[in-house]
Amino acid sequence: MQIVIPGALPPEPAAQSLMPYMAQRTPKLTRWFAGCSAHVQRINLLETACTMPEYWAFTQKHAFVPTEKQNFSSGLGPFLEPNTQQPDAPVWIAELVHVSPSRDGAALL
């Protein structure tokens, strides 16, 4: 079993102080973690242009290997919506954002 929890680990001093509480409140999860090994992988979101779970899925499934001029998000369309009837058809992805007017101009939220 592999679990991806982006941004879930607190800083080390806080993590050390939380361990007794976690062991008391979630003994089964604590036993699972004790039997596993963690692998921390840092990515630059500006370079990959995708989230850590998306990047992880790409690398685990070897679904897409970007060329030198591409980033990982270039493969998101076919990865998120595989078109088996027309595999060479383009796939467009749009992300809706909220525009909030402010004193300094419009801000994307």
PDB file of N, CA and C in Angstrom:
ATOM      1  N   MET A   1       0.847  -1.170   0.000  1.00  0.00           N
ATOM      2  CA  MET A   1       0.000   0.000   0.000  1.00  0.00           C
ATOM      3  C   MET A   1       0.892   1.232   0.000  1.00  0.00           C
ATOM      4  N   GLN A   2       0.526   2.212  -0.798  1.00  0.00           N
ATOM      5  CA  GLN A   2       1.256   3.466  -0.836  1.00  0.00           C
ATOM      6  C   GLN A   2       0.288   4.591  -0.531  1.00  0.00           C
ATOM      7  N   ILE A   3       0.692   5.478   0.344  1.00  0.00           N
ATOM      8  CA  ILE A   3      -0.137   6.613   0.737  1.00  0.00           C
ATOM      9  C   ILE A   3       0.616   7.887   0.395  1.00  0.00           C
ATOM     10  N   VAL A   4      -0.054   8.798  -0.274  1.00  0.00           N
ATOM     11  CA  VAL A   4       0.537  10.094  -0.593  1.00  0.00           C
ATOM     12  C   VAL A   4      -0.235  11.146   0.175  1.00  0.00           C
ATOM     13  N   ILE A   5       0.443  11.856   1.054  1.00  0.00           N
ATOM     14  CA  ILE A   5      -0.180  12.912   1.850  1.00  0.00           C
ATOM     15  C   ILE A   5       0.662  14.169   1.675  1.00  0.00           C
ATOM     16  N   PRO A   6       0.340  14.994   0.672  1.00  0.00           N
ATOM     17  CA  PRO A   6       1.160  16.189   0.461  1.00  0.00           C
ATOM     18  C   PRO A   6       1.007  17.199   1.590  1.00  0.00           C
ATOM     19  N   GLY A   7       2.132  17.694   2.079  1.00  0.00           N
ATOM     20  CA  GLY A   7       2.118  18.722   3.118  1.00  0.00           C
ATOM     21  C   GLY A   7       1.604  18.259   4.463  1.00  0.00           C
ATOM     22  N   ALA A   8       1.573  16.952   4.707  1.00  0.00           N
ATOM     23  CA  ALA A   8       0.980  16.451   5.943  1.00  0.00           C
ATOM     24  C   ALA A   8       1.954  16.417   7.114  1.00  0.00           C
ATOM     25  N   LEU A   9       3.226  16.430   6.837  1.00  0.00           N
ATOM     26  CA  LEU A   9       4.198  16.302   7.918  1.00  0.00           C
ATOM     27  C   LEU A   9       4.530  17.660   8.519  1.00  0.00           C
ATOM     28  N   PRO A  10       4.338  17.790   9.820  1.00  0.00           N
ATOM     29  CA  PRO A  10       4.707  19.051  10.470  1.00  0.00           C
ATOM     30  C   PRO A  10       6.224  19.132  10.620  1.00  0.00           C
ATOM     31  N   PRO A  11       6.743  20.303  10.970  1.00  0.00           N
ATOM     32  CA  PRO A  11       8.183  20.415  11.227  1.00  0.00           C
ATOM     33  C   PRO A  11       8.611  19.424  12.310  1.00  0.00           C
ATOM     34  N   GLU A  12       9.872  19.010  12.262  1.00  0.00           N
ATOM     35  CA  GLU A  12      10.349  17.950  13.154  1.00  0.00           C
ATOM     36  C   GLU A  12      10.105  18.219  14.638  1.00  0.00           C
ATOM     37  N   PRO A  13      10.365  19.422  15.164  1.00  0.00           N
ATOM     38  CA  PRO A  13      10.099  19.631  16.596  1.00  0.00           C
ATOM     39  C   PRO A  13       8.626  19.406  16.956  1.00  0.00           C
ATOM     40  N   ALA A  14       7.730  19.856  16.092  1.00  0.00           N
ATOM     41  CA  ALA A  14       6.305  19.663  16.358  1.00  0.00           C
ATOM     42  C   ALA A  14       5.932  18.191  16.224  1.00  0.00           C
ATOM     43  N   ALA A  15       6.518  17.505  15.246  1.00  0.00           N
ATOM     44  CA  ALA A  15       6.218  16.089  15.041  1.00  0.00           C
ATOM     45  C   ALA A  15       6.626  15.269  16.260  1.00  0.00           C
ATOM     46  N   GLN A  16       7.789  15.577  16.837  1.00  0.00           N
ATOM     47  CA  GLN A  16       8.248  14.843  18.017  1.00  0.00           C
ATOM     48  C   GLN A  16       7.278  14.999  19.182  1.00  0.00           C
ATOM     49  N   SER A  17       6.750  16.198  19.359  1.00  0.00           N
ATOM     50  CA  SER A  17       5.834  16.416  20.479  1.00  0.00           C
ATOM     51  C   SER A  17       4.454  15.816  20.218  1.00  0.00           C
ATOM     52  N   LEU A  18       4.103  15.594  18.959  1.00  0.00           N
ATOM     53  CA  LEU A  18       2.798  15.011  18.629  1.00  0.00           C
ATOM     54  C   LEU A  18       2.778  13.485  18.700  1.00  0.00           C
ATOM     55  N   MET A  19       3.931  12.840  18.672  1.00  0.00           N
ATOM     56  CA  MET A  19       3.980  11.381  18.638  1.00  0.00           C
ATOM     57  C   MET A  19       3.255  10.706  19.801  1.00  0.00           C
ATOM     58  N   PRO A  20       3.455  11.115  21.058  1.00  0.00           N
ATOM     59  CA  PRO A  20       2.727  10.445  22.140  1.00  0.00           C
ATOM     60  C   PRO A  20       1.207  10.579  21.988  1.00  0.00           C
ATOM     61  N   TYR A  21       0.753  11.748  21.578  1.00  0.00           N
ATOM     62  CA  TYR A  21      -0.680  11.972  21.389  1.00  0.00           C
ATOM     63  C   TYR A  21      -1.206  11.093  20.256  1.00  0.00           C
ATOM     64  N   MET A  22      -0.449  11.019  19.168  1.00  0.00           N
ATOM     65  CA  MET A  22      -0.869  10.206  18.030  1.00  0.00           C
ATOM     66  C   MET A  22      -0.911   8.724  18.402  1.00  0.00           C
ATOM     67  N   ALA A  23       0.080   8.256  19.148  1.00  0.00           N
ATOM     68  CA  ALA A  23       0.107   6.853  19.565  1.00  0.00           C
ATOM     69  C   ALA A  23      -1.085   6.526  20.457  1.00  0.00           C
ATOM     70  N   GLN A  24      -1.485   7.461  21.292  1.00  0.00           N
ATOM     71  CA  GLN A  24      -2.621   7.247  22.186  1.00  0.00           C
ATOM     72  C   GLN A  24      -3.940   7.272  21.417  1.00  0.00           C
ATOM     73  N   ARG A  25      -4.102   8.231  20.514  1.00  0.00           N
ATOM     74  CA  ARG A  25      -5.380   8.425  19.823  1.00  0.00           C
ATOM     75  C   ARG A  25      -5.556   7.526  18.594  1.00  0.00           C
ATOM     76  N   THR A  26      -4.471   7.173  17.935  1.00  0.00           N
ATOM     77  CA  THR A  26      -4.560   6.374  16.706  1.00  0.00           C
ATOM     78  C   THR A  26      -3.547   5.229  16.742  1.00  0.00           C
ATOM     79  N   PRO A  27      -3.757   4.250  17.620  1.00  0.00           N
ATOM     80  CA  PRO A  27      -2.762   3.181  17.756  1.00  0.00           C
ATOM     81  C   PRO A  27      -2.579   2.347  16.479  1.00  0.00           C
ATOM     82  N   LYS A  28      -3.655   2.095  15.747  1.00  0.00           N
ATOM     83  CA  LYS A  28      -3.529   1.285  14.532  1.00  0.00           C
ATOM     84  C   LYS A  28      -2.712   2.021  13.470  1.00  0.00           C
ATOM     85  N   LEU A  29      -3.004   3.297  13.274  1.00  0.00           N
ATOM     86  CA  LEU A  29      -2.245   4.088  12.311  1.00  0.00           C
ATOM     87  C   LEU A  29      -0.779   4.176  12.728  1.00  0.00           C
ATOM     88  N   THR A  30      -0.535   4.325  14.019  1.00  0.00           N
ATOM     89  CA  THR A  30       0.837   4.384  14.527  1.00  0.00           C
ATOM     90  C   THR A  30       1.576   3.081  14.237  1.00  0.00           C
ATOM     91  N   ARG A  31       0.905   1.935  14.407  1.00  0.00           N
ATOM     92  CA  ARG A  31       1.533   0.641  14.092  1.00  0.00           C
ATOM     93  C   ARG A  31       1.827   0.534  12.596  1.00  0.00           C
ATOM     94  N   TRP A  32       0.902   1.007  11.753  1.00  0.00           N
ATOM     95  CA  TRP A  32       1.144   0.976  10.307  1.00  0.00           C
ATOM     96  C   TRP A  32       2.372   1.805   9.953  1.00  0.00           C
ATOM     97  N   PHE A  33       2.445   3.014  10.513  1.00  0.00           N
ATOM     98  CA  PHE A  33       3.586   3.875  10.230  1.00  0.00           C
ATOM     99  C   PHE A  33       4.888   3.268  10.744  1.00  0.00           C
ATOM    100  N   ALA A  34       4.839   2.585  11.874  1.00  0.00           N
ATOM    101  CA  ALA A  34       6.042   1.979  12.443  1.00  0.00           C
ATOM    102  C   ALA A  34       6.594   0.887  11.528  1.00  0.00           C
ATOM    103  N   GLY A  35       5.727   0.221  10.797  1.00  0.00           N
ATOM    104  CA  GLY A  35       6.163  -0.845   9.904  1.00  0.00           C
ATOM    105  C   GLY A  35       6.507  -0.379   8.501  1.00  0.00           C
ATOM    106  N   CYS A  36       6.491   0.909   8.263  1.00  0.00           N
ATOM    107  CA  CYS A  36       6.739   1.452   6.918  1.00  0.00           C
ATOM    108  C   CYS A  36       7.986   2.323   6.914  1.00  0.00           C
ATOM    109  N   SER A  37       8.430   2.619   5.728  1.00  0.00           N
ATOM    110  CA  SER A  37       9.518   3.586   5.593  1.00  0.00           C
ATOM    111  C   SER A  37       9.007   4.743   4.744  1.00  0.00           C
ATOM    112  N   ALA A  38       9.404   5.926   5.096  1.00  0.00           N
ATOM    113  CA  ALA A  38       8.944   7.125   4.394  1.00  0.00           C
ATOM    114  C   ALA A  38       9.974   7.545   3.358  1.00  0.00           C
ATOM    115  N   HIS A  39       9.494   8.142   2.314  1.00  0.00           N
ATOM    116  CA  HIS A  39      10.360   8.695   1.277  1.00  0.00           C
ATOM    117  C   HIS A  39       9.878  10.113   1.004  1.00  0.00           C
ATOM    118  N   VAL A  40      10.667  11.084   1.377  1.00  0.00           N
ATOM    119  CA  VAL A  40      10.306  12.482   1.153  1.00  0.00           C
ATOM    120  C   VAL A  40      10.833  12.897  -0.213  1.00  0.00           C
ATOM    121  N   GLN A  41       9.951  13.460  -1.008  1.00  0.00           N
ATOM    122  CA  GLN A  41      10.332  13.909  -2.342  1.00  0.00           C
ATOM    123  C   GLN A  41       9.867  15.343  -2.507  1.00  0.00           C
ATOM    124  N   ARG A  42      10.811  16.226  -2.689  1.00  0.00           N
ATOM    125  CA  ARG A  42      10.478  17.639  -2.871  1.00  0.00           C
ATOM    126  C   ARG A  42      10.480  17.953  -4.363  1.00  0.00           C
ATOM    127  N   ILE A  43       9.440  18.669  -4.781  1.00  0.00           N
ATOM    128  CA  ILE A  43       9.366  19.079  -6.178  1.00  0.00           C
ATOM    129  C   ILE A  43       9.147  20.582  -6.238  1.00  0.00           C
ATOM    130  N   ASN A  44       9.577  21.166  -7.325  1.00  0.00           N
ATOM    131  CA  ASN A  44       9.347  22.583  -7.562  1.00  0.00           C
ATOM    132  C   ASN A  44       8.061  22.699  -8.373  1.00  0.00           C
ATOM    133  N   LEU A  45       7.004  23.201  -7.749  1.00  0.00           N
ATOM    134  CA  LEU A  45       5.712  23.293  -8.417  1.00  0.00           C
ATOM    135  C   LEU A  45       5.756  24.192  -9.644  1.00  0.00           C
ATOM    136  N   LEU A  46       6.666  25.157  -9.658  1.00  0.00           N
ATOM    137  CA  LEU A  46       6.787  26.029 -10.824  1.00  0.00           C
ATOM    138  C   LEU A  46       7.377  25.285 -12.022  1.00  0.00           C
ATOM    139  N   GLU A  47       8.191  24.281 -11.756  1.00  0.00           N
ATOM    140  CA  GLU A  47       8.787  23.502 -12.842  1.00  0.00           C
ATOM    141  C   GLU A  47       7.864  22.388 -13.320  1.00  0.00           C
ATOM    142  N   THR A  48       7.183  21.722 -12.402  1.00  0.00           N
ATOM    143  CA  THR A  48       6.309  20.615 -12.796  1.00  0.00           C
ATOM    144  C   THR A  48       4.943  21.096 -13.252  1.00  0.00           C
ATOM    145  N   ALA A  49       4.465  22.205 -12.679  1.00  0.00           N
ATOM    146  CA  ALA A  49       3.149  22.778 -12.995  1.00  0.00           C
ATOM    147  C   ALA A  49       2.025  21.792 -12.736  1.00  0.00           C
ATOM    148  N   CYS A  50       2.220  20.911 -11.758  1.00  0.00           N
ATOM    149  CA  CYS A  50       1.148  20.022 -11.334  1.00  0.00           C
ATOM    150  C   CYS A  50       1.307  19.785  -9.833  1.00  0.00           C
ATOM    151  N   THR A  51       0.303  19.213  -9.228  1.00  0.00           N
ATOM    152  CA  THR A  51       0.351  18.976  -7.788  1.00  0.00           C
ATOM    153  C   THR A  51       1.237  17.775  -7.485  1.00  0.00           C
ATOM    154  N   MET A  52       1.615  17.629  -6.227  1.00  0.00           N
ATOM    155  CA  MET A  52       2.455  16.499  -5.838  1.00  0.00           C
ATOM    156  C   MET A  52       1.758  15.161  -6.100  1.00  0.00           C
ATOM    157  N   PRO A  53       0.457  14.999  -5.780  1.00  0.00           N
ATOM    158  CA  PRO A  53      -0.182  13.710  -6.105  1.00  0.00           C
ATOM    159  C   PRO A  53      -0.191  13.412  -7.610  1.00  0.00           C
ATOM    160  N   GLU A  54      -0.373  14.439  -8.436  1.00  0.00           N
ATOM    161  CA  GLU A  54      -0.334  14.229  -9.889  1.00  0.00           C
ATOM    162  C   GLU A  54       1.072  13.828 -10.331  1.00  0.00           C
ATOM    163  N   TYR A  55       2.077  14.520  -9.815  1.00  0.00           N
ATOM    164  CA  TYR A  55       3.468  14.201 -10.144  1.00  0.00           C
ATOM    165  C   TYR A  55       3.802  12.777  -9.705  1.00  0.00           C
ATOM    166  N   TRP A  56       3.368  12.419  -8.508  1.00  0.00           N
ATOM    167  CA  TRP A  56       3.617  11.075  -7.982  1.00  0.00           C
ATOM    168  C   TRP A  56       2.961  10.024  -8.875  1.00  0.00           C
ATOM    169  N   ALA A  57       1.705  10.266  -9.289  1.00  0.00           N
ATOM    170  CA  ALA A  57       1.005   9.310 -10.151  1.00  0.00           C
ATOM    171  C   ALA A  57       1.733   9.149 -11.487  1.00  0.00           C
ATOM    172  N   PHE A  58       2.222  10.252 -12.051  1.00  0.00           N
ATOM    173  CA  PHE A  58       2.970  10.171 -13.307  1.00  0.00           C
ATOM    174  C   PHE A  58       4.210   9.304 -13.140  1.00  0.00           C
ATOM    175  N   THR A  59       4.957   9.542 -12.086  1.00  0.00           N
ATOM    176  CA  THR A  59       6.213   8.819 -11.910  1.00  0.00           C
ATOM    177  C   THR A  59       5.975   7.358 -11.544  1.00  0.00           C
ATOM    178  N   GLN A  60       4.906   7.050 -10.815  1.00  0.00           N
ATOM    179  CA  GLN A  60       4.623   5.668 -10.440  1.00  0.00           C
ATOM    180  C   GLN A  60       4.140   4.843 -11.628  1.00  0.00           C
ATOM    181  N   LYS A  61       3.310   5.430 -12.441  1.00  0.00           N
ATOM    182  CA  LYS A  61       2.730   4.696 -13.572  1.00  0.00           C
ATOM    183  C   LYS A  61       3.537   4.861 -14.852  1.00  0.00           C
ATOM    184  N   HIS A  62       4.570   5.676 -14.804  1.00  0.00           N
ATOM    185  CA  HIS A  62       5.376   5.970 -15.993  1.00  0.00           C
ATOM    186  C   HIS A  62       4.460   6.352 -17.156  1.00  0.00           C
ATOM    187  N   ALA A  63       3.416   7.108 -16.815  1.00  0.00           N
ATOM    188  CA  ALA A  63       2.388   7.458 -17.788  1.00  0.00           C
ATOM    189  C   ALA A  63       2.853   8.535 -18.758  1.00  0.00           C
ATOM    190  N   PHE A  64       3.781   9.363 -18.330  1.00  0.00           N
ATOM    191  CA  PHE A  64       4.200  10.477 -19.177  1.00  0.00           C
ATOM    192  C   PHE A  64       5.607  10.895 -18.799  1.00  0.00           C
ATOM    193  N   VAL A  65       6.435  11.048 -19.781  1.00  0.00           N
ATOM    194  CA  VAL A  65       7.793  11.558 -19.574  1.00  0.00           C
ATOM    195  C   VAL A  65       7.914  12.821 -20.422  1.00  0.00           C
ATOM    196  N   PRO A  66       8.040  13.981 -19.778  1.00  0.00           N
ATOM    197  CA  PRO A  66       8.089  15.225 -20.549  1.00  0.00           C
ATOM    198  C   PRO A  66       9.391  15.357 -21.332  1.00  0.00           C
ATOM    199  N   THR A  67       9.297  16.067 -22.446  1.00  0.00           N
ATOM    200  CA  THR A  67      10.502  16.389 -23.205  1.00  0.00           C
ATOM    201  C   THR A  67      11.213  17.538 -22.495  1.00  0.00           C
ATOM    202  N   GLU A  68      12.320  17.964 -23.042  1.00  0.00           N
ATOM    203  CA  GLU A  68      13.113  19.020 -22.406  1.00  0.00           C
ATOM    204  C   GLU A  68      12.335  20.328 -22.268  1.00  0.00           C
ATOM    205  N   LYS A  69      11.458  20.625 -23.224  1.00  0.00           N
ATOM    206  CA  LYS A  69      10.731  21.892 -23.207  1.00  0.00           C
ATOM    207  C   LYS A  69       9.341  21.776 -22.578  1.00  0.00           C
ATOM    208  N   GLN A  70       9.003  20.630 -22.032  1.00  0.00           N
ATOM    209  CA  GLN A  70       7.696  20.430 -21.408  1.00  0.00           C
ATOM    210  C   GLN A  70       7.851  20.291 -19.902  1.00  0.00           C
ATOM    211  N   ASN A  71       6.750  20.477 -19.191  1.00  0.00           N
ATOM    212  CA  ASN A  71       6.725  20.124 -17.778  1.00  0.00           C
ATOM    213  C   ASN A  71       5.710  18.995 -17.598  1.00  0.00           C
ATOM    214  N   PHE A  72       5.608  18.456 -16.399  1.00  0.00           N
ATOM    215  CA  PHE A  72       4.747  17.304 -16.174  1.00  0.00           C
ATOM    216  C   PHE A  72       3.276  17.595 -16.433  1.00  0.00           C
ATOM    217  N   SER A  73       2.851  18.822 -16.240  1.00  0.00           N
ATOM    218  CA  SER A  73       1.437  19.124 -16.443  1.00  0.00           C
ATOM    219  C   SER A  73       1.024  18.986 -17.903  1.00  0.00           C
ATOM    220  N   SER A  74       1.980  18.908 -18.817  1.00  0.00           N
ATOM    221  CA  SER A  74       1.649  18.712 -20.231  1.00  0.00           C
ATOM    222  C   SER A  74       0.943  17.381 -20.466  1.00  0.00           C
ATOM    223  N   GLY A  75       1.122  16.438 -19.582  1.00  0.00           N
ATOM    224  CA  GLY A  75       0.484  15.133 -19.737  1.00  0.00           C
ATOM    225  C   GLY A  75      -0.800  14.969 -18.961  1.00  0.00           C
ATOM    226  N   LEU A  76      -1.268  16.035 -18.297  1.00  0.00           N
ATOM    227  CA  LEU A  76      -2.460  15.909 -17.456  1.00  0.00           C
ATOM    228  C   LEU A  76      -3.727  15.589 -18.240  1.00  0.00           C
ATOM    229  N   GLY A  77      -3.912  16.187 -19.410  1.00  0.00           N
ATOM    230  CA  GLY A  77      -5.141  15.963 -20.168  1.00  0.00           C
ATOM    231  C   GLY A  77      -5.399  14.498 -20.438  1.00  0.00           C
ATOM    232  N   PRO A  78      -4.510  13.820 -21.148  1.00  0.00           N
ATOM    233  CA  PRO A  78      -4.721  12.395 -21.403  1.00  0.00           C
ATOM    234  C   PRO A  78      -4.727  11.550 -20.133  1.00  0.00           C
ATOM    235  N   PHE A  79      -3.987  11.981 -19.124  1.00  0.00           N
ATOM    236  CA  PHE A  79      -3.928  11.216 -17.877  1.00  0.00           C
ATOM    237  C   PHE A  79      -5.254  11.285 -17.122  1.00  0.00           C
ATOM    238  N   LEU A  80      -5.847  12.479 -17.071  1.00  0.00           N
ATOM    239  CA  LEU A  80      -7.098  12.649 -16.333  1.00  0.00           C
ATOM    240  C   LEU A  80      -8.315  12.192 -17.127  1.00  0.00           C
ATOM    241  N   GLU A  81      -8.265  12.288 -18.425  1.00  0.00           N
ATOM    242  CA  GLU A  81      -9.407  11.906 -19.261  1.00  0.00           C
ATOM    243  C   GLU A  81      -8.914  11.103 -20.458  1.00  0.00           C
ATOM    244  N   PRO A  82      -8.567   9.836 -20.228  1.00  0.00           N
ATOM    245  CA  PRO A  82      -8.075   9.045 -21.356  1.00  0.00           C
ATOM    246  C   PRO A  82      -9.203   8.778 -22.353  1.00  0.00           C
ATOM    247  N   ASN A  83      -8.977   9.154 -23.585  1.00  0.00           N
ATOM    248  CA  ASN A  83      -9.962   8.957 -24.638  1.00  0.00           C
ATOM    249  C   ASN A  83      -9.545   7.721 -25.421  1.00  0.00           C
ATOM    250  N   THR A  84     -10.152   6.588 -25.103  1.00  0.00           N
ATOM    251  CA  THR A  84      -9.746   5.344 -25.748  1.00  0.00           C
ATOM    252  C   THR A  84     -10.275   5.232 -27.169  1.00  0.00           C
ATOM    253  N   GLN A  85     -11.330   5.985 -27.496  1.00  0.00           N
ATOM    254  CA  GLN A  85     -11.882   5.916 -28.848  1.00  0.00           C
ATOM    255  C   GLN A  85     -11.063   6.752 -29.823  1.00  0.00           C
ATOM    256  N   GLN A  86     -10.538   7.878 -29.362  1.00  0.00           N
ATOM    257  CA  GLN A  86      -9.699   8.743 -30.202  1.00  0.00           C
ATOM    258  C   GLN A  86      -8.455   9.128 -29.405  1.00  0.00           C
ATOM    259  N   PRO A  87      -7.500   8.219 -29.285  1.00  0.00           N
ATOM    260  CA  PRO A  87      -6.348   8.502 -28.417  1.00  0.00           C
ATOM    261  C   PRO A  87      -5.479   9.667 -28.867  1.00  0.00           C
ATOM    262  N   ASP A  88      -5.531  10.045 -30.137  1.00  0.00           N
ATOM    263  CA  ASP A  88      -4.702  11.155 -30.614  1.00  0.00           C
ATOM    264  C   ASP A  88      -5.432  12.487 -30.604  1.00  0.00           C
ATOM    265  N   ALA A  89      -6.683  12.505 -30.143  1.00  0.00           N
ATOM    266  CA  ALA A  89      -7.455  13.748 -30.101  1.00  0.00           C
ATOM    267  C   ALA A  89      -6.942  14.629 -28.969  1.00  0.00           C
ATOM    268  N   PRO A  90      -6.878  15.955 -29.181  1.00  0.00           N
ATOM    269  CA  PRO A  90      -6.410  16.845 -28.111  1.00  0.00           C
ATOM    270  C   PRO A  90      -7.389  16.865 -26.941  1.00  0.00           C
ATOM    271  N   VAL A  91      -6.846  17.067 -25.757  1.00  0.00           N
ATOM    272  CA  VAL A  91      -7.649  17.171 -24.536  1.00  0.00           C
ATOM    273  C   VAL A  91      -7.338  18.520 -23.910  1.00  0.00           C
ATOM    274  N   TRP A  92      -8.359  19.287 -23.587  1.00  0.00           N
ATOM    275  CA  TRP A  92      -8.187  20.604 -22.990  1.00  0.00           C
ATOM    276  C   TRP A  92      -8.611  20.551 -21.537  1.00  0.00           C
ATOM    277  N   ILE A  93      -7.837  21.197 -20.683  1.00  0.00           N
ATOM    278  CA  ILE A  93      -8.164  21.276 -19.261  1.00  0.00           C
ATOM    279  C   ILE A  93      -8.317  22.740 -18.898  1.00  0.00           C
ATOM    280  N   ALA A  94      -9.395  23.054 -18.220  1.00  0.00           N
ATOM    281  CA  ALA A  94      -9.622  24.424 -17.745  1.00  0.00           C
ATOM    282  C   ALA A  94      -9.847  24.371 -16.247  1.00  0.00           C
ATOM    283  N   GLU A  95      -9.252  25.300 -15.538  1.00  0.00           N
ATOM    284  CA  GLU A  95      -9.444  25.382 -14.094  1.00  0.00           C
ATOM    285  C   GLU A  95     -10.148  26.692 -13.791  1.00  0.00           C
ATOM    286  N   LEU A  96     -11.295  26.583 -13.137  1.00  0.00           N
ATOM    287  CA  LEU A  96     -12.055  27.774 -12.798  1.00  0.00           C
ATOM    288  C   LEU A  96     -11.455  28.429 -11.559  1.00  0.00           C
ATOM    289  N   VAL A  97     -11.354  29.724 -11.592  1.00  0.00           N
ATOM    290  CA  VAL A  97     -10.834  30.471 -10.452  1.00  0.00           C
ATOM    291  C   VAL A  97     -11.824  31.562 -10.092  1.00  0.00           C
ATOM    292  N   HIS A  98     -11.678  32.089  -8.915  1.00  0.00           N
ATOM    293  CA  HIS A  98     -12.536  33.176  -8.459  1.00  0.00           C
ATOM    294  C   HIS A  98     -11.742  34.475  -8.527  1.00  0.00           C
ATOM    295  N   VAL A  99     -12.314  35.469  -9.165  1.00  0.00           N
ATOM    296  CA  VAL A  99     -11.674  36.779  -9.251  1.00  0.00           C
ATOM    297  C   VAL A  99     -12.329  37.687  -8.224  1.00  0.00           C
ATOM    298  N   SER A 100     -11.521  38.236  -7.348  1.00  0.00           N
ATOM    299  CA  SER A 100     -12.030  39.095  -6.288  1.00  0.00           C
ATOM    300  C   SER A 100     -11.499  40.510  -6.481  1.00  0.00           C
ATOM    301  N   PRO A 101     -12.400  41.489  -6.608  1.00  0.00           N
ATOM    302  CA  PRO A 101     -11.917  42.873  -6.727  1.00  0.00           C
ATOM    303  C   PRO A 101     -11.334  43.347  -5.401  1.00  0.00           C
ATOM    304  N   SER A 102     -10.255  44.067  -5.477  1.00  0.00           N
ATOM    305  CA  SER A 102      -9.641  44.608  -4.264  1.00  0.00           C
ATOM    306  C   SER A 102      -9.196  46.037  -4.536  1.00  0.00           C
ATOM    307  N   ARG A 103      -8.675  46.662  -3.529  1.00  0.00           N
ATOM    308  CA  ARG A 103      -8.211  48.039  -3.653  1.00  0.00           C
ATOM    309  C   ARG A 103      -7.073  48.155  -4.657  1.00  0.00           C
ATOM    310  N   ASP A 104      -6.255  47.106  -4.755  1.00  0.00           N
ATOM    311  CA  ASP A 104      -5.095  47.125  -5.645  1.00  0.00           C
ATOM    312  C   ASP A 104      -5.392  46.543  -7.025  1.00  0.00           C
ATOM    313  N   GLY A 105      -6.621  46.158  -7.284  1.00  0.00           N
ATOM    314  CA  GLY A 105      -6.980  45.550  -8.564  1.00  0.00           C
ATOM    315  C   GLY A 105      -7.646  44.206  -8.333  1.00  0.00           C
ATOM    316  N   ALA A 106      -7.799  43.439  -9.368  1.00  0.00           N
ATOM    317  CA  ALA A 106      -8.432  42.123  -9.263  1.00  0.00           C
ATOM    318  C   ALA A 106      -7.417  41.104  -8.756  1.00  0.00           C
ATOM    319  N   ALA A 107      -7.889  40.210  -7.925  1.00  0.00           N
ATOM    320  CA  ALA A 107      -7.027  39.160  -7.383  1.00  0.00           C
ATOM    321  C   ALA A 107      -7.656  37.807  -7.685  1.00  0.00           C
ATOM    322  N   LEU A 108      -6.845  36.857  -8.118  1.00  0.00           N
ATOM    323  CA  LEU A 108      -7.321  35.498  -8.347  1.00  0.00           C
ATOM    324  C   LEU A 108      -7.242  34.724  -7.041  1.00  0.00           C
ATOM    325  N   LEU A 109      -8.324  34.074  -6.686  1.00  0.00           N
ATOM    326  CA  LEU A 109      -8.349  33.271  -5.461  1.00  0.00           C
ATOM    327  C   LEU A 109      -8.421  31.813  -5.797  1.00  0.00           C
TER     328      LEU A 109
END
